[in-house]
Amino acid sequence: MLKQQRPAYLAAMHRADDGDYGPLGEILARAMYDNLNRFIVPSLAGPARLVPLAALVDKELSLPALRQAAQRGRLDAIQGADGIWRSSRKAVEDYLRTRQRRRAT
Protein backbone atom coordinates (compact mmCIF):
# COMPACT_ATOMS: atom_id res chain seq x y z
CA MET A 1 0.00 0.00 0.00
CA LEU A 2 1.26 3.45 -0.84
CA LYS A 3 1.93 6.05 1.82
CA GLN A 4 -0.67 8.44 0.40
CA GLN A 5 -3.35 5.72 0.70
CA ARG A 6 -2.83 5.36 4.45
CA PRO A 7 -5.63 7.76 5.53
CA ALA A 8 -8.20 5.95 3.36
CA TYR A 9 -6.98 2.59 4.69
CA LEU A 10 -7.25 3.73 8.31
CA ALA A 11 -10.72 5.17 7.70
CA ALA A 12 -11.77 1.86 6.11
CA MET A 13 -10.38 -0.03 9.11
CA HIS A 14 -12.43 2.13 11.50
CA ARG A 15 -15.56 1.53 9.43
CA ALA A 16 -14.82 -2.21 9.47
CA ASP A 17 -14.58 -2.05 13.27
CA ASP A 18 -18.13 -0.69 13.20
CA GLY A 19 -19.33 -3.52 10.95
CA ASP A 20 -19.07 -1.81 7.53
CA TYR A 21 -16.58 -3.99 5.64
CA GLY A 22 -17.25 -2.62 2.14
CA PRO A 23 -14.58 0.12 1.99
CA LEU A 24 -11.87 -2.16 3.42
CA GLY A 25 -12.85 -4.94 1.02
CA GLU A 26 -12.61 -2.51 -1.89
CA ILE A 27 -9.14 -1.32 -0.85
CA LEU A 28 -7.90 -4.90 -0.50
CA ALA A 29 -9.47 -5.99 -3.78
CA ARG A 30 -7.92 -3.05 -5.66
CA ALA A 31 -4.51 -3.77 -4.14
CA MET A 32 -4.74 -7.43 -5.14
CA TYR A 33 -5.88 -6.52 -8.67
CA ASP A 34 -3.10 -3.95 -9.11
CA ASN A 35 -0.45 -6.38 -7.88
CA LEU A 36 -1.83 -9.15 -10.05
CA ASN A 37 -1.53 -6.93 -13.13
CA ARG A 38 1.85 -5.58 -12.14
CA PHE A 39 3.67 -8.74 -11.06
CA ILE A 40 1.82 -11.93 -12.01
CA VAL A 41 0.34 -11.19 -15.46
CA PRO A 42 3.64 -10.01 -17.02
CA SER A 43 5.46 -13.15 -15.94
CA LEU A 44 2.74 -15.31 -17.50
CA ALA A 45 2.20 -13.22 -20.62
CA GLY A 46 4.26 -13.80 -23.71
CA PRO A 47 6.15 -10.87 -25.27
CA ALA A 48 3.28 -10.01 -27.66
CA ARG A 49 0.38 -10.32 -25.21
CA LEU A 50 -1.44 -7.11 -24.28
CA VAL A 51 -1.22 -6.19 -20.61
CA PRO A 52 -2.00 -2.98 -18.70
CA LEU A 53 0.78 -0.39 -18.96
CA ALA A 54 1.27 -0.66 -15.19
CA ALA A 55 2.51 -4.21 -15.77
CA LEU A 56 5.22 -2.92 -18.13
CA VAL A 57 6.77 -0.33 -15.80
CA ASP A 58 10.46 -0.83 -15.08
CA LYS A 59 13.43 1.20 -13.82
CA GLU A 60 13.78 2.88 -17.22
CA LEU A 61 10.11 3.72 -17.92
CA SER A 62 7.52 5.00 -15.46
CA LEU A 63 3.77 4.61 -15.89
CA PRO A 64 3.33 8.31 -16.81
CA ALA A 65 6.09 7.99 -19.44
CA LEU A 66 4.47 4.90 -20.98
CA ARG A 67 1.04 6.55 -20.95
CA GLN A 68 2.41 9.68 -22.63
CA ALA A 69 4.18 7.61 -25.30
CA ALA A 70 0.95 5.70 -25.95
CA GLN A 71 -1.12 8.90 -26.17
CA ARG A 72 1.37 10.43 -28.60
CA GLY A 73 1.34 7.32 -30.77
CA ARG A 74 4.99 6.50 -30.14
CA LEU A 75 4.19 3.31 -28.24
CA ASP A 76 1.98 0.72 -29.92
CA ALA A 77 -0.86 0.56 -27.38
CA ILE A 78 -4.63 0.59 -27.20
CA GLN A 79 -6.98 2.18 -24.72
CA GLY A 80 -9.82 -0.11 -23.76
CA ALA A 81 -13.41 0.86 -23.11
CA ASP A 82 -12.49 0.77 -19.41
CA GLY A 83 -9.99 3.61 -20.01
CA ILE A 84 -6.95 1.42 -19.30
CA TRP A 85 -4.08 1.58 -21.76
CA ARG A 86 -2.63 -1.80 -22.77
CA SER A 87 0.48 -2.73 -24.66
CA SER A 88 2.97 -5.58 -24.91
CA ARG A 89 6.53 -6.12 -23.74
CA LYS A 90 7.57 -6.37 -27.40
CA ALA A 91 5.98 -2.99 -28.19
CA VAL A 92 7.83 -1.41 -25.26
CA GLU A 93 11.12 -2.89 -26.46
CA ASP A 94 10.44 -1.50 -29.96
CA TYR A 95 9.62 1.89 -28.46
CA LEU A 96 12.86 1.90 -26.46
CA ARG A 97 14.89 1.09 -29.58
CA THR A 98 13.29 3.93 -31.57
CA ARG A 99 13.66 6.31 -28.64
CA GLN A 100 17.37 5.53 -28.36
CA ARG A 101 17.81 6.08 -32.11
CA ARG A 102 16.09 9.49 -31.89
CA ARG A 103 18.40 10.52 -29.03
CA ALA A 104 21.50 9.42 -30.95
CA THR A 105 20.72 11.67 -33.93
C-alpha atoms as a PDB file:
ATOM      1  CA  MET A   1       0.000   0.000   0.000  1.00  0.00           C
ATOM      2  CA  LEU A   2       1.264   3.446  -0.841  1.00  0.00           C
ATOM      3  CA  LYS A   3       1.926   6.052   1.825  1.00  0.00           C
ATOM      4  CA  GLN A   4      -0.673   8.440   0.396  1.00  0.00           C
ATOM      5  CA  GLN A   5      -3.346   5.716   0.700  1.00  0.00           C
ATOM      6  CA  ARG A   6      -2.828   5.362   4.450  1.00  0.00           C
ATOM      7  CA  PRO A   7      -5.635   7.764   5.525  1.00  0.00           C
ATOM      8  CA  ALA A   8      -8.196   5.950   3.361  1.00  0.00           C
ATOM      9  CA  TYR A   9      -6.978   2.590   4.689  1.00  0.00           C
ATOM     10  CA  LEU A  10      -7.252   3.735   8.313  1.00  0.00           C
ATOM     11  CA  ALA A  11     -10.724   5.166   7.704  1.00  0.00           C
ATOM     12  CA  ALA A  12     -11.771   1.863   6.110  1.00  0.00           C
ATOM     13  CA  MET A  13     -10.379  -0.033   9.109  1.00  0.00           C
ATOM     14  CA  HIS A  14     -12.428   2.129  11.503  1.00  0.00           C
ATOM     15  CA  ARG A  15     -15.561   1.527   9.428  1.00  0.00           C
ATOM     16  CA  ALA A  16     -14.818  -2.207   9.472  1.00  0.00           C
ATOM     17  CA  ASP A  17     -14.580  -2.052  13.266  1.00  0.00           C
ATOM     18  CA  ASP A  18     -18.130  -0.687  13.198  1.00  0.00           C
ATOM     19  CA  GLY A  19     -19.329  -3.524  10.952  1.00  0.00           C
ATOM     20  CA  ASP A  20     -19.073  -1.815   7.534  1.00  0.00           C
ATOM     21  CA  TYR A  21     -16.582  -3.987   5.639  1.00  0.00           C
ATOM     22  CA  GLY A  22     -17.253  -2.622   2.136  1.00  0.00           C
ATOM     23  CA  PRO A  23     -14.578   0.120   1.993  1.00  0.00           C
ATOM     24  CA  LEU A  24     -11.875  -2.163   3.424  1.00  0.00           C
ATOM     25  CA  GLY A  25     -12.851  -4.937   1.023  1.00  0.00           C
ATOM     26  CA  GLU A  26     -12.613  -2.513  -1.885  1.00  0.00           C
ATOM     27  CA  ILE A  27      -9.139  -1.318  -0.854  1.00  0.00           C
ATOM     28  CA  LEU A  28      -7.902  -4.898  -0.497  1.00  0.00           C
ATOM     29  CA  ALA A  29      -9.470  -5.995  -3.780  1.00  0.00           C
ATOM     30  CA  ARG A  30      -7.919  -3.046  -5.656  1.00  0.00           C
ATOM     31  CA  ALA A  31      -4.509  -3.768  -4.140  1.00  0.00           C
ATOM     32  CA  MET A  32      -4.737  -7.430  -5.140  1.00  0.00           C
ATOM     33  CA  TYR A  33      -5.878  -6.522  -8.668  1.00  0.00           C
ATOM     34  CA  ASP A  34      -3.099  -3.947  -9.112  1.00  0.00           C
ATOM     35  CA  ASN A  35      -0.448  -6.375  -7.883  1.00  0.00           C
ATOM     36  CA  LEU A  36      -1.828  -9.151 -10.052  1.00  0.00           C
ATOM     37  CA  ASN A  37      -1.532  -6.927 -13.130  1.00  0.00           C
ATOM     38  CA  ARG A  38       1.846  -5.575 -12.142  1.00  0.00           C
ATOM     39  CA  PHE A  39       3.669  -8.737 -11.063  1.00  0.00           C
ATOM     40  CA  ILE A  40       1.816 -11.925 -12.008  1.00  0.00           C
ATOM     41  CA  VAL A  41       0.344 -11.190 -15.464  1.00  0.00           C
ATOM     42  CA  PRO A  42       3.638 -10.007 -17.024  1.00  0.00           C
ATOM     43  CA  SER A  43       5.456 -13.147 -15.937  1.00  0.00           C
ATOM     44  CA  LEU A  44       2.738 -15.315 -17.505  1.00  0.00           C
ATOM     45  CA  ALA A  45       2.197 -13.222 -20.615  1.00  0.00           C
ATOM     46  CA  GLY A  46       4.258 -13.800 -23.711  1.00  0.00           C
ATOM     47  CA  PRO A  47       6.145 -10.873 -25.266  1.00  0.00           C
ATOM     48  CA  ALA A  48       3.284 -10.014 -27.656  1.00  0.00           C
ATOM     49  CA  ARG A  49       0.376 -10.320 -25.205  1.00  0.00           C
ATOM     50  CA  LEU A  50      -1.439  -7.112 -24.281  1.00  0.00           C
ATOM     51  CA  VAL A  51      -1.224  -6.190 -20.608  1.00  0.00           C
ATOM     52  CA  PRO A  52      -2.005  -2.975 -18.703  1.00  0.00           C
ATOM     53  CA  LEU A  53       0.783  -0.390 -18.963  1.00  0.00           C
ATOM     54  CA  ALA A  54       1.274  -0.656 -15.188  1.00  0.00           C
ATOM     55  CA  ALA A  55       2.515  -4.209 -15.772  1.00  0.00           C
ATOM     56  CA  LEU A  56       5.220  -2.918 -18.133  1.00  0.00           C
ATOM     57  CA  VAL A  57       6.771  -0.330 -15.804  1.00  0.00           C
ATOM     58  CA  ASP A  58      10.463  -0.834 -15.080  1.00  0.00           C
ATOM     59  CA  LYS A  59      13.429   1.197 -13.821  1.00  0.00           C
ATOM     60  CA  GLU A  60      13.779   2.880 -17.224  1.00  0.00           C
ATOM     61  CA  LEU A  61      10.109   3.721 -17.921  1.00  0.00           C
ATOM     62  CA  SER A  62       7.520   4.995 -15.457  1.00  0.00           C
ATOM     63  CA  LEU A  63       3.772   4.615 -15.886  1.00  0.00           C
ATOM     64  CA  PRO A  64       3.331   8.308 -16.814  1.00  0.00           C
ATOM     65  CA  ALA A  65       6.095   7.988 -19.445  1.00  0.00           C
ATOM     66  CA  LEU A  66       4.466   4.900 -20.981  1.00  0.00           C
ATOM     67  CA  ARG A  67       1.038   6.550 -20.954  1.00  0.00           C
ATOM     68  CA  GLN A  68       2.414   9.675 -22.629  1.00  0.00           C
ATOM     69  CA  ALA A  69       4.184   7.609 -25.303  1.00  0.00           C
ATOM     70  CA  ALA A  70       0.948   5.705 -25.952  1.00  0.00           C
ATOM     71  CA  GLN A  71      -1.125   8.899 -26.172  1.00  0.00           C
ATOM     72  CA  ARG A  72       1.367  10.425 -28.598  1.00  0.00           C
ATOM     73  CA  GLY A  73       1.342   7.317 -30.772  1.00  0.00           C
ATOM     74  CA  ARG A  74       4.992   6.502 -30.138  1.00  0.00           C
ATOM     75  CA  LEU A  75       4.191   3.306 -28.238  1.00  0.00           C
ATOM     76  CA  ASP A  76       1.983   0.724 -29.924  1.00  0.00           C
ATOM     77  CA  ALA A  77      -0.856   0.562 -27.383  1.00  0.00           C
ATOM     78  CA  ILE A  78      -4.628   0.587 -27.201  1.00  0.00           C
ATOM     79  CA  GLN A  79      -6.981   2.181 -24.717  1.00  0.00           C
ATOM     80  CA  GLY A  80      -9.819  -0.114 -23.755  1.00  0.00           C
ATOM     81  CA  ALA A  81     -13.413   0.864 -23.114  1.00  0.00           C
ATOM     82  CA  ASP A  82     -12.494   0.770 -19.413  1.00  0.00           C
ATOM     83  CA  GLY A  83      -9.990   3.606 -20.007  1.00  0.00           C
ATOM     84  CA  ILE A  84      -6.954   1.423 -19.297  1.00  0.00           C
ATOM     85  CA  TRP A  85      -4.078   1.579 -21.763  1.00  0.00           C
ATOM     86  CA  ARG A  86      -2.628  -1.796 -22.766  1.00  0.00           C
ATOM     87  CA  SER A  87       0.483  -2.731 -24.665  1.00  0.00           C
ATOM     88  CA  SER A  88       2.973  -5.582 -24.907  1.00  0.00           C
ATOM     89  CA  ARG A  89       6.525  -6.124 -23.744  1.00  0.00           C
ATOM     90  CA  LYS A  90       7.572  -6.373 -27.404  1.00  0.00           C
ATOM     91  CA  ALA A  91       5.984  -2.985 -28.185  1.00  0.00           C
ATOM     92  CA  VAL A  92       7.829  -1.412 -25.258  1.00  0.00           C
ATOM     93  CA  GLU A  93      11.122  -2.895 -26.460  1.00  0.00           C
ATOM     94  CA  ASP A  94      10.444  -1.501 -29.959  1.00  0.00           C
ATOM     95  CA  TYR A  95       9.621   1.893 -28.457  1.00  0.00           C
ATOM     96  CA  LEU A  96      12.865   1.902 -26.459  1.00  0.00           C
ATOM     97  CA  ARG A  97      14.890   1.091 -29.582  1.00  0.00           C
ATOM     98  CA  THR A  98      13.295   3.925 -31.573  1.00  0.00           C
ATOM     99  CA  ARG A  99      13.660   6.315 -28.637  1.00  0.00           C
ATOM    100  CA  GLN A 100      17.367   5.526 -28.362  1.00  0.00           C
ATOM    101  CA  ARG A 101      17.814   6.083 -32.111  1.00  0.00           C
ATOM    102  CA  ARG A 102      16.090   9.494 -31.889  1.00  0.00           C
ATOM    103  CA  ARG A 103      18.398  10.516 -29.031  1.00  0.00           C
ATOM    104  CA  ALA A 104      21.504   9.424 -30.949  1.00  0.00           C
ATOM    105  CA  THR A 105      20.719  11.670 -33.930  1.00  0.00           C
END
